[in-house]
Amino acid sequence: MRKEIRRYEENKKNDSKFFFEITEQHTYEPMFLEIGRPRLKSELILFFLIVRGVWGSISDHAASERIKDSISIRNVLAHYSYDIPGINTIRENLNAVTNETRKLILKCQK
């Protein structure tokens, strides 16, 4: 399916008419996922969840400036061999945490 979509996108750029051809395949080839965008480690996501809980926000201007200027945050990230990620990256990783996971974290803190 990914190959078909890639072909469709390439043909779309060339302005040629292209429709998906549905073909039945009897042989199956193993499909491997390609490497995508690197994610933050789960420990860092928990750390930024706590920071967001303390500051009330992670993506407003004041919080983003505090993150960029904080020596403590730099030290925590350096321990995991990370530079300070962009605020949107942090926010996207935090928003990817499901409510069930957040409830489990709160339950474990009690």
N, C-alpha and C. Protein backbone atom coordinates (compact mmCIF):
# COMPACT_ATOMS: atom_id res chain seq x y z
N MET A 1 0.81 -1.18 0.00
CA MET A 1 0.00 0.00 0.00
C MET A 1 0.87 1.26 0.00
N ARG A 2 1.98 1.22 0.80
CA ARG A 2 2.87 2.37 0.82
C ARG A 2 3.52 2.62 -0.53
N LYS A 3 3.87 1.51 -1.22
CA LYS A 3 4.47 1.66 -2.54
C LYS A 3 3.46 2.24 -3.52
N GLU A 4 2.22 1.83 -3.43
CA GLU A 4 1.17 2.37 -4.30
C GLU A 4 0.96 3.85 -4.04
N ILE A 5 0.97 4.24 -2.76
CA ILE A 5 0.79 5.65 -2.42
C ILE A 5 1.97 6.46 -2.93
N ARG A 6 3.19 5.92 -2.78
CA ARG A 6 4.37 6.61 -3.27
C ARG A 6 4.30 6.79 -4.79
N ARG A 7 3.88 5.73 -5.50
CA ARG A 7 3.72 5.83 -6.96
C ARG A 7 2.68 6.87 -7.32
N TYR A 8 1.58 6.87 -6.59
CA TYR A 8 0.50 7.84 -6.84
C TYR A 8 1.03 9.26 -6.65
N GLU A 9 1.80 9.50 -5.58
CA GLU A 9 2.33 10.83 -5.31
C GLU A 9 3.30 11.26 -6.41
N GLU A 10 4.13 10.33 -6.89
CA GLU A 10 5.08 10.66 -7.95
C GLU A 10 4.35 10.99 -9.25
N ASN A 11 3.34 10.21 -9.57
CA ASN A 11 2.58 10.47 -10.79
C ASN A 11 1.75 11.73 -10.67
N LYS A 12 1.32 12.05 -9.49
CA LYS A 12 0.54 13.26 -9.27
C LYS A 12 1.41 14.49 -9.53
N LYS A 13 2.70 14.41 -9.17
CA LYS A 13 3.62 15.51 -9.42
C LYS A 13 3.82 15.71 -10.92
N ASN A 14 3.76 14.61 -11.68
CA ASN A 14 3.97 14.69 -13.13
C ASN A 14 2.70 15.02 -13.88
N ASP A 15 1.61 15.28 -13.17
CA ASP A 15 0.31 15.60 -13.75
C ASP A 15 -0.24 14.51 -14.66
N SER A 16 0.14 13.29 -14.43
CA SER A 16 -0.42 12.21 -15.24
C SER A 16 -1.59 11.59 -14.50
N LYS A 17 -2.51 11.04 -15.25
CA LYS A 17 -3.68 10.40 -14.65
C LYS A 17 -3.25 9.07 -14.06
N PHE A 18 -3.64 8.85 -12.83
CA PHE A 18 -3.27 7.61 -12.17
C PHE A 18 -4.38 7.20 -11.22
N PHE A 19 -4.73 5.94 -11.28
CA PHE A 19 -5.69 5.38 -10.34
C PHE A 19 -5.04 4.17 -9.68
N PHE A 20 -5.47 3.90 -8.46
CA PHE A 20 -4.96 2.72 -7.78
C PHE A 20 -5.41 1.48 -8.53
N GLU A 21 -4.47 0.62 -8.79
CA GLU A 21 -4.81 -0.65 -9.41
C GLU A 21 -4.86 -1.70 -8.31
N ILE A 22 -5.98 -2.33 -8.16
CA ILE A 22 -6.11 -3.36 -7.14
C ILE A 22 -5.73 -4.68 -7.77
N THR A 23 -4.67 -5.23 -7.26
CA THR A 23 -4.20 -6.52 -7.78
C THR A 23 -4.11 -7.49 -6.61
N GLU A 24 -4.37 -8.70 -6.89
CA GLU A 24 -4.29 -9.73 -5.87
C GLU A 24 -2.90 -10.33 -5.89
N GLN A 25 -2.28 -10.37 -4.74
CA GLN A 25 -0.94 -10.93 -4.66
C GLN A 25 -0.99 -12.21 -3.85
N HIS A 26 -0.34 -13.21 -4.39
CA HIS A 26 -0.32 -14.49 -3.69
C HIS A 26 0.99 -14.71 -2.94
N THR A 27 1.96 -13.89 -3.22
CA THR A 27 3.22 -13.99 -2.50
C THR A 27 3.32 -12.81 -1.55
N TYR A 28 3.83 -13.08 -0.39
CA TYR A 28 3.96 -12.03 0.61
C TYR A 28 5.42 -11.78 0.91
N GLU A 29 5.80 -10.53 0.86
CA GLU A 29 7.16 -10.14 1.19
C GLU A 29 7.14 -9.47 2.55
N PRO A 30 8.13 -9.73 3.35
CA PRO A 30 8.16 -9.05 4.65
C PRO A 30 8.35 -7.55 4.44
N MET A 31 7.62 -6.78 5.20
CA MET A 31 7.69 -5.34 5.07
C MET A 31 8.28 -4.77 6.35
N PHE A 32 9.27 -3.94 6.20
CA PHE A 32 9.94 -3.36 7.34
C PHE A 32 9.62 -1.88 7.41
N LEU A 33 9.39 -1.40 8.61
CA LEU A 33 9.11 0.01 8.79
C LEU A 33 10.39 0.82 8.62
N GLU A 34 10.24 1.96 7.99
CA GLU A 34 11.39 2.83 7.83
C GLU A 34 11.57 3.64 9.10
N ILE A 35 12.76 4.15 9.28
CA ILE A 35 13.05 4.93 10.46
C ILE A 35 12.38 6.29 10.31
N GLY A 36 11.64 6.65 11.32
CA GLY A 36 10.94 7.94 11.30
C GLY A 36 11.64 8.95 12.18
N ARG A 37 10.89 9.89 12.59
CA ARG A 37 11.40 10.95 13.44
C ARG A 37 11.74 10.39 14.82
N PRO A 38 12.89 10.74 15.37
CA PRO A 38 13.22 10.23 16.70
C PRO A 38 12.30 10.82 17.76
N ARG A 39 11.94 10.01 18.72
CA ARG A 39 11.07 10.45 19.82
C ARG A 39 11.90 10.63 21.07
N LEU A 40 11.36 11.39 21.99
CA LEU A 40 12.01 11.55 23.28
C LEU A 40 11.86 10.27 24.09
N LYS A 41 12.81 10.02 24.96
CA LYS A 41 12.71 8.84 25.82
C LYS A 41 11.56 9.03 26.80
N SER A 42 11.02 7.94 27.26
CA SER A 42 9.86 8.00 28.14
C SER A 42 10.17 8.73 29.44
N GLU A 43 11.40 8.62 29.95
CA GLU A 43 11.77 9.33 31.17
C GLU A 43 11.70 10.84 30.97
N LEU A 44 12.12 11.30 29.78
CA LEU A 44 12.08 12.73 29.50
C LEU A 44 10.65 13.21 29.30
N ILE A 45 9.82 12.38 28.73
CA ILE A 45 8.42 12.76 28.56
C ILE A 45 7.76 12.90 29.93
N LEU A 46 8.05 11.97 30.84
CA LEU A 46 7.54 12.09 32.20
C LEU A 46 8.08 13.36 32.86
N PHE A 47 9.35 13.65 32.66
CA PHE A 47 9.95 14.85 33.21
C PHE A 47 9.22 16.10 32.72
N PHE A 48 8.97 16.17 31.41
CA PHE A 48 8.28 17.34 30.86
C PHE A 48 6.80 17.37 31.25
N LEU A 49 6.19 16.21 31.49
CA LEU A 49 4.83 16.19 32.03
C LEU A 49 4.81 16.85 33.42
N ILE A 50 5.81 16.54 34.23
CA ILE A 50 5.90 17.13 35.56
C ILE A 50 6.15 18.63 35.46
N VAL A 51 7.04 19.03 34.56
CA VAL A 51 7.31 20.45 34.36
C VAL A 51 6.04 21.18 33.93
N ARG A 52 5.30 20.57 33.02
CA ARG A 52 4.04 21.19 32.57
C ARG A 52 3.04 21.28 33.72
N GLY A 53 3.01 20.28 34.58
CA GLY A 53 2.12 20.33 35.73
C GLY A 53 2.49 21.43 36.70
N VAL A 54 3.79 21.66 36.89
CA VAL A 54 4.25 22.70 37.82
C VAL A 54 4.02 24.09 37.23
N TRP A 55 4.36 24.27 35.95
CA TRP A 55 4.26 25.58 35.33
C TRP A 55 2.89 25.86 34.73
N GLY A 56 2.07 24.86 34.56
CA GLY A 56 0.74 25.07 33.99
C GLY A 56 0.70 24.99 32.48
N SER A 57 1.83 25.19 31.83
CA SER A 57 1.90 25.11 30.38
C SER A 57 3.34 24.81 29.99
N ILE A 58 3.49 24.26 28.82
CA ILE A 58 4.84 23.98 28.33
C ILE A 58 5.11 24.77 27.05
N SER A 59 4.05 25.25 26.42
CA SER A 59 4.23 25.86 25.10
C SER A 59 3.99 27.36 25.07
N ASP A 60 3.62 27.99 26.20
CA ASP A 60 3.48 29.44 26.14
C ASP A 60 4.87 30.09 26.16
N HIS A 61 4.91 31.36 25.89
CA HIS A 61 6.20 32.05 25.72
C HIS A 61 7.06 31.99 26.98
N ALA A 62 6.44 32.23 28.13
CA ALA A 62 7.21 32.24 29.38
C ALA A 62 7.81 30.87 29.67
N ALA A 63 7.02 29.82 29.49
CA ALA A 63 7.52 28.46 29.75
C ALA A 63 8.63 28.09 28.76
N SER A 64 8.45 28.44 27.50
CA SER A 64 9.49 28.09 26.52
C SER A 64 10.80 28.83 26.81
N GLU A 65 10.70 30.07 27.28
CA GLU A 65 11.92 30.79 27.65
C GLU A 65 12.58 30.17 28.88
N ARG A 66 11.76 29.74 29.85
CA ARG A 66 12.32 29.08 31.04
C ARG A 66 13.03 27.79 30.67
N ILE A 67 12.44 27.03 29.75
CA ILE A 67 13.07 25.76 29.33
C ILE A 67 14.41 26.04 28.65
N LYS A 68 14.44 27.04 27.78
CA LYS A 68 15.67 27.34 27.06
C LYS A 68 16.76 27.87 27.98
N ASP A 69 16.38 28.60 29.05
CA ASP A 69 17.35 29.22 29.94
C ASP A 69 17.72 28.36 31.15
N SER A 70 17.00 27.29 31.40
CA SER A 70 17.20 26.51 32.62
C SER A 70 18.43 25.61 32.53
N ILE A 71 19.33 25.81 33.46
CA ILE A 71 20.53 24.98 33.52
C ILE A 71 20.16 23.58 34.02
N SER A 72 19.19 23.49 34.92
CA SER A 72 18.76 22.19 35.44
C SER A 72 18.20 21.31 34.33
N ILE A 73 17.38 21.89 33.49
CA ILE A 73 16.80 21.12 32.38
C ILE A 73 17.90 20.70 31.41
N ARG A 74 18.85 21.59 31.16
CA ARG A 74 19.98 21.23 30.30
C ARG A 74 20.75 20.05 30.87
N ASN A 75 20.95 20.04 32.19
CA ASN A 75 21.68 18.94 32.83
C ASN A 75 20.92 17.63 32.74
N VAL A 76 19.61 17.68 32.94
CA VAL A 76 18.80 16.46 32.82
C VAL A 76 18.86 15.92 31.40
N LEU A 77 18.73 16.80 30.41
CA LEU A 77 18.79 16.37 29.01
C LEU A 77 20.18 15.88 28.63
N ALA A 78 21.22 16.51 29.18
CA ALA A 78 22.59 16.08 28.88
C ALA A 78 22.85 14.68 29.41
N HIS A 79 22.21 14.32 30.52
CA HIS A 79 22.35 12.97 31.07
C HIS A 79 21.87 11.92 30.07
N TYR A 80 20.85 12.26 29.27
CA TYR A 80 20.32 11.34 28.26
C TYR A 80 20.88 11.63 26.87
N SER A 81 21.91 12.46 26.79
CA SER A 81 22.57 12.83 25.52
C SER A 81 21.61 13.52 24.56
N TYR A 82 20.81 14.42 25.08
CA TYR A 82 19.88 15.19 24.27
C TYR A 82 20.23 16.67 24.34
N ASP A 83 19.96 17.37 23.26
CA ASP A 83 19.93 18.83 23.30
C ASP A 83 18.51 19.22 23.64
N ILE A 84 18.30 20.49 23.90
CA ILE A 84 16.94 20.93 24.20
C ILE A 84 16.12 20.85 22.91
N PRO A 85 15.07 20.03 22.92
CA PRO A 85 14.24 19.92 21.71
C PRO A 85 13.37 21.17 21.56
N GLY A 86 12.81 21.32 20.39
CA GLY A 86 11.91 22.44 20.15
C GLY A 86 10.63 22.29 20.98
N ILE A 87 10.00 23.41 21.25
CA ILE A 87 8.80 23.41 22.08
C ILE A 87 7.69 22.59 21.41
N ASN A 88 7.57 22.70 20.09
CA ASN A 88 6.54 21.91 19.40
C ASN A 88 6.82 20.41 19.52
N THR A 89 8.08 20.02 19.49
CA THR A 89 8.44 18.61 19.66
C THR A 89 8.04 18.12 21.04
N ILE A 90 8.34 18.93 22.05
CA ILE A 90 7.97 18.55 23.42
C ILE A 90 6.45 18.44 23.52
N ARG A 91 5.75 19.44 23.01
CA ARG A 91 4.28 19.44 23.09
C ARG A 91 3.67 18.26 22.36
N GLU A 92 4.18 17.93 21.17
CA GLU A 92 3.65 16.79 20.43
C GLU A 92 3.88 15.49 21.17
N ASN A 93 5.05 15.34 21.79
CA ASN A 93 5.33 14.13 22.56
C ASN A 93 4.45 14.04 23.79
N LEU A 94 4.19 15.17 24.45
CA LEU A 94 3.33 15.16 25.62
C LEU A 94 1.88 14.87 25.25
N ASN A 95 1.44 15.40 24.12
CA ASN A 95 0.07 15.16 23.68
C ASN A 95 -0.14 13.73 23.20
N ALA A 96 0.94 13.04 22.89
CA ALA A 96 0.82 11.64 22.45
C ALA A 96 0.58 10.69 23.62
N VAL A 97 0.77 11.17 24.84
CA VAL A 97 0.54 10.33 26.02
C VAL A 97 -0.97 10.20 26.21
N THR A 98 -1.44 8.97 26.28
CA THR A 98 -2.88 8.74 26.40
C THR A 98 -3.36 9.02 27.81
N ASN A 99 -4.66 9.23 27.94
CA ASN A 99 -5.25 9.48 29.25
C ASN A 99 -5.08 8.27 30.17
N GLU A 100 -5.14 7.06 29.61
CA GLU A 100 -4.95 5.87 30.43
C GLU A 100 -3.55 5.85 31.04
N THR A 101 -2.55 6.28 30.27
CA THR A 101 -1.18 6.32 30.77
C THR A 101 -1.06 7.38 31.86
N ARG A 102 -1.71 8.52 31.67
CA ARG A 102 -1.66 9.57 32.69
C ARG A 102 -2.33 9.11 33.98
N LYS A 103 -3.44 8.40 33.84
CA LYS A 103 -4.13 7.87 35.03
C LYS A 103 -3.24 6.86 35.75
N LEU A 104 -2.53 6.02 34.98
CA LEU A 104 -1.62 5.05 35.59
C LEU A 104 -0.48 5.76 36.33
N ILE A 105 0.06 6.81 35.75
CA ILE A 105 1.13 7.58 36.41
C ILE A 105 0.61 8.14 37.73
N LEU A 106 -0.58 8.75 37.71
CA LEU A 106 -1.16 9.30 38.95
C LEU A 106 -1.43 8.22 39.97
N LYS A 107 -1.89 7.06 39.51
CA LYS A 107 -2.17 5.95 40.41
C LYS A 107 -0.87 5.46 41.08
N CYS A 108 0.21 5.43 40.33
CA CYS A 108 1.49 4.96 40.87
C CYS A 108 2.08 5.98 41.86
N GLN A 109 1.69 7.23 41.76
CA GLN A 109 2.22 8.25 42.66
C GLN A 109 1.57 8.20 44.04
N LYS A 110 0.41 7.61 44.14
CA LYS A 110 -0.32 7.58 45.42
C LYS A 110 0.31 6.67 46.42
